[in-house]
């Protein structure tokens, strides 16, 4: 098997996350060429993903596990600041669960991951989740205020890393 074939196999068959998890795979990539190394994105600067977190899909499908103070499903804008530019997609009458249902990128994707990260931080606590609910709100508000999809996606990526940890709440579902 030549190095091009190995690189194609690794690129097509193994996701970046899987490549990072598999011991020694990075060394194998170095032995053949640089493409596999260039496909592994560095960890975002503010993120240290070591803890528990549940995805937007988990929170969307399991509203019965929401923290009691948010079980009434408040408006998104009662938790986060929504710039005028995003009022149509994130503003009233959109509740937290409505935003979890949104498709799309940019502010919609940040909205989904922002809500999930907020619920994770409230439900699990900053120690178990890795960041506080106040830090989540601040990060989302600051990113939305830029009205720049590059900045918004970067913040979404950071929150996504926290949200896609091991979800300890699945056992609570009957």
Protein backbone atom coordinates (compact mmCIF):
# COMPACT_ATOMS: atom_id res chain seq x y z
CA UNK A 1 0.00 0.00 0.00
CA UNK A 2 1.63 3.28 -1.04
CA UNK A 3 1.53 6.49 1.02
CA UNK A 4 -1.14 8.09 -1.18
CA UNK A 5 -3.46 5.11 -0.71
CA UNK A 6 -2.85 5.11 3.06
CA UNK A 7 -3.60 8.83 3.25
CA UNK A 8 -6.79 8.44 1.21
CA UNK A 9 -7.91 5.59 3.45
CA UNK A 10 -7.16 7.52 6.62
CA UNK A 11 -8.81 10.67 5.33
CA UNK A 12 -11.93 8.89 4.05
CA UNK A 13 -12.40 6.23 6.73
CA UNK A 14 -11.28 7.89 9.94
CA UNK A 15 -12.66 11.16 11.24
CA UNK A 16 -10.37 13.66 12.87
CA UNK A 17 -11.78 12.79 16.29
CA UNK A 18 -11.16 9.08 15.68
CA UNK A 19 -7.66 9.82 14.43
CA UNK A 20 -6.86 11.71 17.61
CA UNK A 21 -8.28 8.94 19.81
CA UNK A 22 -6.38 6.11 18.11
CA UNK A 23 -2.97 5.79 19.75
CA UNK A 24 -0.03 6.10 17.45
CA UNK A 25 -2.06 7.12 14.41
CA UNK A 26 -0.43 10.54 14.30
CA UNK A 27 2.98 8.87 14.19
CA UNK A 28 1.76 6.62 11.38
CA UNK A 29 0.64 9.72 9.48
CA UNK A 30 4.05 11.31 9.97
CA UNK A 31 5.70 8.24 8.52
CA UNK A 32 3.82 8.59 5.24
CA UNK A 33 3.25 12.29 4.63
CA UNK A 34 1.89 15.52 6.05
CA UNK A 35 -1.75 15.45 4.80
CA UNK A 36 -3.09 13.49 7.75
CA UNK A 37 -1.42 15.87 10.18
CA UNK A 38 -2.87 18.87 8.37
CA UNK A 39 -6.37 17.38 8.68
CA UNK A 40 -6.21 17.29 12.47
CA UNK A 41 -7.41 20.66 13.68
CA UNK A 42 -5.79 22.06 16.81
CA UNK A 43 -7.91 22.35 19.93
CA UNK A 44 -9.47 25.82 20.17
CA UNK A 45 -7.58 28.09 22.55
CA UNK A 46 -10.24 28.59 25.22
CA UNK A 47 -11.31 24.98 25.34
CA UNK A 48 -10.09 22.27 27.65
CA UNK A 49 -12.56 19.48 27.00
CA UNK A 50 -12.31 17.27 30.05
CA UNK A 51 -15.61 16.53 31.69
CA UNK A 52 -19.21 15.82 30.90
CA UNK A 53 -21.57 17.41 28.41
CA UNK A 54 -24.69 16.60 26.44
CA UNK A 55 -25.37 17.57 22.82
CA UNK A 56 -28.05 19.94 21.53
CA UNK A 57 -29.88 16.85 20.26
CA UNK A 58 -29.96 15.36 23.74
CA UNK A 59 -31.47 18.53 25.24
CA UNK A 60 -33.91 18.89 22.33
CA UNK A 61 -35.22 15.35 22.78
CA UNK A 62 -35.14 15.16 26.59
CA UNK A 63 -36.75 18.32 27.94
CA UNK A 64 -37.82 16.38 31.05
CA UNK A 65 -34.16 16.39 32.15
CA UNK A 66 -33.82 20.19 31.93
CA UNK A 67 -32.85 22.01 35.12
CA UNK A 68 -36.05 22.82 37.03
CA UNK A 69 -35.56 26.59 36.80
CA UNK A 70 -35.67 26.31 32.98
CA UNK A 71 -38.39 23.67 32.64
CA UNK A 72 -40.88 26.42 31.68
CA UNK A 73 -38.77 26.90 28.52
CA UNK A 74 -37.97 30.63 28.72
CA UNK A 75 -37.32 32.81 25.71
CA UNK A 76 -33.83 32.60 24.22
CA UNK A 77 -33.48 36.35 24.63
CA UNK A 78 -34.22 36.09 28.36
CA UNK A 79 -30.91 34.23 28.73
CA UNK A 80 -28.82 35.60 25.85
CA UNK A 81 -28.55 39.03 24.18
CA UNK A 82 -29.90 38.99 20.64
CA UNK A 83 -28.61 41.69 18.26
CA UNK A 84 -31.16 43.22 15.91
CA UNK A 85 -29.49 41.47 12.97
CA UNK A 86 -30.49 38.09 14.45
CA UNK A 87 -33.88 39.01 15.94
CA UNK A 88 -35.77 37.13 13.21
CA UNK A 89 -33.97 33.83 13.89
CA UNK A 90 -33.14 33.98 17.61
CA UNK A 91 -35.41 36.66 19.04
CA UNK A 92 -38.91 36.52 20.47
CA UNK A 93 -40.99 34.37 20.30
CA UNK A 94 -38.19 31.77 20.12
CA UNK A 95 -37.74 29.83 23.34
CA UNK A 96 -34.67 27.83 24.30
CA UNK A 97 -36.26 24.67 22.90
CA UNK A 98 -37.25 26.50 19.69
CA UNK A 99 -33.61 27.45 19.13
CA UNK A 100 -32.55 23.82 19.68
CA UNK A 101 -34.86 22.93 16.77
CA UNK A 102 -33.32 25.44 14.33
CA UNK A 103 -31.37 24.19 11.35
CA UNK A 104 -28.64 26.16 9.67
CA UNK A 105 -25.22 27.55 10.43
CA UNK A 106 -23.83 30.79 11.79
CA UNK A 107 -26.13 32.21 14.49
CA UNK A 108 -28.51 29.22 14.37
CA UNK A 109 -25.68 26.75 15.04
CA UNK A 110 -24.31 28.96 17.80
CA UNK A 111 -27.81 29.23 19.23
CA UNK A 112 -28.17 25.44 19.38
CA UNK A 113 -24.78 24.91 20.98
CA UNK A 114 -25.18 27.94 23.22
CA UNK A 115 -28.45 26.60 24.64
CA UNK A 116 -26.96 23.12 25.11
CA UNK A 117 -23.83 24.51 26.78
CA UNK A 118 -25.93 26.73 29.04
CA UNK A 119 -28.14 23.80 30.11
CA UNK A 120 -25.06 21.61 30.62
CA UNK A 121 -23.38 24.25 32.80
CA UNK A 122 -26.52 24.80 34.88
CA UNK A 123 -27.38 21.11 35.23
CA UNK A 124 -23.89 19.66 35.66
CA UNK A 125 -22.08 22.62 37.21
CA UNK A 126 -18.95 24.37 36.03
CA UNK A 127 -16.64 21.76 37.56
CA UNK A 128 -18.22 18.76 35.84
CA UNK A 129 -18.98 20.55 32.56
CA UNK A 130 -15.77 22.56 32.32
CA UNK A 131 -17.16 26.12 32.09
CA UNK A 132 -19.76 28.12 33.98
CA UNK A 133 -23.17 29.18 32.72
CA UNK A 134 -22.03 32.82 32.99
CA UNK A 135 -19.04 32.05 30.75
CA UNK A 136 -21.33 30.39 28.21
CA UNK A 137 -23.69 33.38 28.15
CA UNK A 138 -20.78 35.79 27.83
CA UNK A 139 -19.18 33.81 24.98
CA UNK A 140 -22.45 33.57 23.04
CA UNK A 141 -23.32 37.23 23.58
CA UNK A 142 -19.85 38.41 22.55
CA UNK A 143 -19.86 36.26 19.41
CA UNK A 144 -23.35 37.34 18.35
CA UNK A 145 -22.45 40.99 18.94
CA UNK A 146 -19.71 40.76 16.30
CA UNK A 147 -22.31 39.82 13.64
CA UNK A 148 -19.40 38.00 11.97
CA UNK A 149 -20.04 34.38 11.02
CA UNK A 150 -16.34 33.49 11.30
CA UNK A 151 -16.28 34.63 14.94
CA UNK A 152 -19.68 33.08 15.58
CA UNK A 153 -18.61 29.71 14.12
CA UNK A 154 -15.40 29.78 16.17
CA UNK A 155 -17.37 30.22 19.38
CA UNK A 156 -19.82 27.53 18.26
CA UNK A 157 -16.88 25.16 17.68
CA UNK A 158 -15.58 25.81 21.20
CA UNK A 159 -18.97 25.16 22.78
CA UNK A 160 -19.48 22.11 20.59
CA UNK A 161 -16.31 20.61 22.06
CA UNK A 162 -17.73 20.99 25.56
CA UNK A 163 -21.17 19.70 24.53
CA UNK A 164 -19.83 16.57 22.88
CA UNK A 165 -18.22 15.08 25.95
CA UNK A 166 -19.63 12.07 27.77
CA UNK A 167 -23.28 12.77 28.61
CA UNK A 168 -23.97 11.51 32.15
CA UNK A 169 -27.70 12.24 31.96
CA UNK A 170 -28.69 9.45 29.59
CA UNK A 171 -29.17 7.12 32.55
CA UNK A 172 -31.82 9.47 33.95
CA UNK A 173 -34.16 8.71 31.07
CA UNK A 174 -36.77 6.07 31.81
